């Protein structure tokens, strides 16, 4: 399903999933006010200087919050995802979002970044941004 905006993405979610998405967006927007947010590959994603930082998507049984550089975070609670540096946290309608934990991850997301923007140019090799 293609969504033209983050608002359209949220509107397409069920009531409980929409509440999760609304809560995540509010915290991300508050923590990363200078980030560009848009639909990227059909999901809401926030970018700093063109580099993807955080986003979320609807999976079969949950909403998945993904930090592109999350494997480098010191704050616990994220699970490794994929073959690069990404890490995730999955939320179901019955889960409570720990806003303090989410805020710590968002602080780390600004400080710990791998250069995904140029991954194709570097033929799949990631470099740490300072």
Protein backbone atom coordinates (compact mmCIF):
# COMPACT_ATOMS: atom_id res chain seq x y z
CA UNK A 1 0.00 0.00 0.00
CA UNK A 2 1.40 3.38 -0.99
CA UNK A 3 0.89 6.38 1.32
CA UNK A 4 1.38 9.96 0.19
CA UNK A 5 2.04 11.29 3.69
CA UNK A 6 2.70 10.20 7.23
CA UNK A 7 -0.82 11.32 8.12
CA UNK A 8 -2.21 9.02 5.39
CA UNK A 9 -0.07 6.16 6.73
CA UNK A 10 -1.53 6.68 10.21
CA UNK A 11 -5.09 6.96 8.90
CA UNK A 12 -4.71 3.58 7.17
CA UNK A 13 -3.83 1.82 10.47
CA UNK A 14 -6.30 0.15 12.83
CA UNK A 15 -7.26 2.09 15.96
CA UNK A 16 -4.73 0.42 18.32
CA UNK A 17 -1.93 0.55 15.73
CA UNK A 18 -2.73 4.19 14.96
CA UNK A 19 -2.30 5.01 18.66
CA UNK A 20 1.17 3.43 18.61
CA UNK A 21 2.10 5.32 15.43
CA UNK A 22 0.79 8.62 16.83
CA UNK A 23 2.80 8.15 20.05
CA UNK A 24 5.98 7.26 18.14
CA UNK A 25 5.61 10.21 15.77
CA UNK A 26 5.05 12.67 18.62
CA UNK A 27 8.22 11.54 20.42
CA UNK A 28 10.32 11.43 17.25
CA UNK A 29 9.18 14.90 16.15
CA UNK A 30 9.93 16.26 19.64
CA UNK A 31 13.41 14.69 19.81
CA UNK A 32 14.44 15.39 16.21
CA UNK A 33 12.82 18.74 15.30
CA UNK A 34 15.43 19.41 12.64
CA UNK A 35 14.93 16.06 10.91
CA UNK A 36 13.17 15.73 7.58
CA UNK A 37 10.26 13.28 7.81
CA UNK A 38 8.59 11.64 4.85
CA UNK A 39 7.22 8.40 3.49
CA UNK A 40 10.17 6.33 2.24
CA UNK A 41 9.64 2.83 0.85
CA UNK A 42 5.98 3.12 1.99
CA UNK A 43 6.83 3.88 5.66
CA UNK A 44 7.40 7.00 7.81
CA UNK A 45 11.14 7.72 8.12
CA UNK A 46 13.12 10.63 9.65
CA UNK A 47 16.40 11.79 8.08
CA UNK A 48 19.26 14.00 9.27
CA UNK A 49 21.29 15.46 6.39
CA UNK A 50 19.75 12.91 4.03
CA UNK A 51 20.69 9.94 6.22
CA UNK A 52 17.85 7.72 7.53
CA UNK A 53 17.77 7.75 11.34
CA UNK A 54 14.50 6.26 12.56
CA UNK A 55 11.22 5.04 11.15
CA UNK A 56 8.40 2.63 11.75
CA UNK A 57 6.35 0.20 9.73
CA UNK A 58 3.34 -2.04 10.04
CA UNK A 59 4.21 -5.73 10.14
CA UNK A 60 1.72 -8.59 10.28
CA UNK A 61 1.30 -8.54 14.06
CA UNK A 62 2.97 -5.33 15.28
CA UNK A 63 4.35 -1.88 14.61
CA UNK A 64 8.14 -2.07 14.17
CA UNK A 65 10.27 0.89 15.25
CA UNK A 66 13.61 0.81 13.43
CA UNK A 67 16.80 2.73 14.17
CA UNK A 68 19.21 2.47 11.23
CA UNK A 69 22.25 2.71 13.53
CA UNK A 70 20.64 1.15 16.61
CA UNK A 71 23.11 -1.71 17.05
CA UNK A 72 25.60 0.89 18.26
CA UNK A 73 23.35 2.25 21.02
CA UNK A 74 24.27 1.69 24.66
CA UNK A 75 20.69 1.90 25.92
CA UNK A 76 19.26 -1.65 26.03
CA UNK A 77 15.96 -2.83 24.62
CA UNK A 78 16.55 -3.01 20.87
CA UNK A 79 17.07 -6.20 18.84
CA UNK A 80 19.52 -6.42 15.93
CA UNK A 81 17.82 -6.35 12.54
CA UNK A 82 19.37 -7.26 9.20
CA UNK A 83 23.00 -7.46 8.16
CA UNK A 84 24.02 -3.84 8.71
CA UNK A 85 23.76 -1.70 11.88
CA UNK A 86 19.98 -1.46 12.31
CA UNK A 87 18.07 -2.42 15.45
CA UNK A 88 14.37 -2.61 16.17
CA UNK A 89 11.68 -2.70 18.81
CA UNK A 90 8.28 -4.18 18.09
CA UNK A 91 5.05 -2.92 19.62
CA UNK A 92 1.66 -4.60 19.73
CA UNK A 93 -1.53 -2.88 20.83
CA UNK A 94 -1.21 -4.37 24.30
CA UNK A 95 2.36 -3.09 24.73
CA UNK A 96 3.07 0.10 26.59
CA UNK A 97 5.62 2.39 24.94
CA UNK A 98 8.29 3.29 27.47
CA UNK A 99 8.67 6.96 26.57
CA UNK A 100 11.79 7.46 28.69
CA UNK A 101 13.50 4.56 26.94
CA UNK A 102 12.33 5.84 23.54
CA UNK A 103 13.73 9.30 24.32
CA UNK A 104 17.13 7.81 25.22
CA UNK A 105 17.21 5.87 21.94
CA UNK A 106 16.33 9.04 20.04
CA UNK A 107 19.16 10.94 21.76
CA UNK A 108 21.57 8.20 20.75
CA UNK A 109 20.17 8.18 17.20
CA UNK A 110 21.42 11.73 16.75
CA UNK A 111 24.90 10.90 18.07
CA UNK A 112 25.51 7.44 16.59
CA UNK A 113 25.05 7.36 12.84
CA UNK A 114 26.30 5.17 10.04
CA UNK A 115 26.30 6.61 6.53
CA UNK A 116 23.40 4.82 4.87
CA UNK A 117 22.95 7.69 2.41
CA UNK A 118 26.10 6.61 0.52
CA UNK A 119 25.87 2.84 0.99
CA UNK A 120 25.22 2.17 -2.71
CA UNK A 121 28.10 4.38 -3.79
CA UNK A 122 30.37 2.45 -1.39
CA UNK A 123 29.07 -0.89 -2.71
CA UNK A 124 27.41 -1.96 0.54
CA UNK A 125 30.15 -0.78 2.92
CA UNK A 126 29.04 1.42 5.81
CA UNK A 127 31.17 4.15 7.37
CA UNK A 128 30.57 5.78 10.73
CA UNK A 129 29.63 9.46 10.64
CA UNK A 130 31.25 11.70 13.21
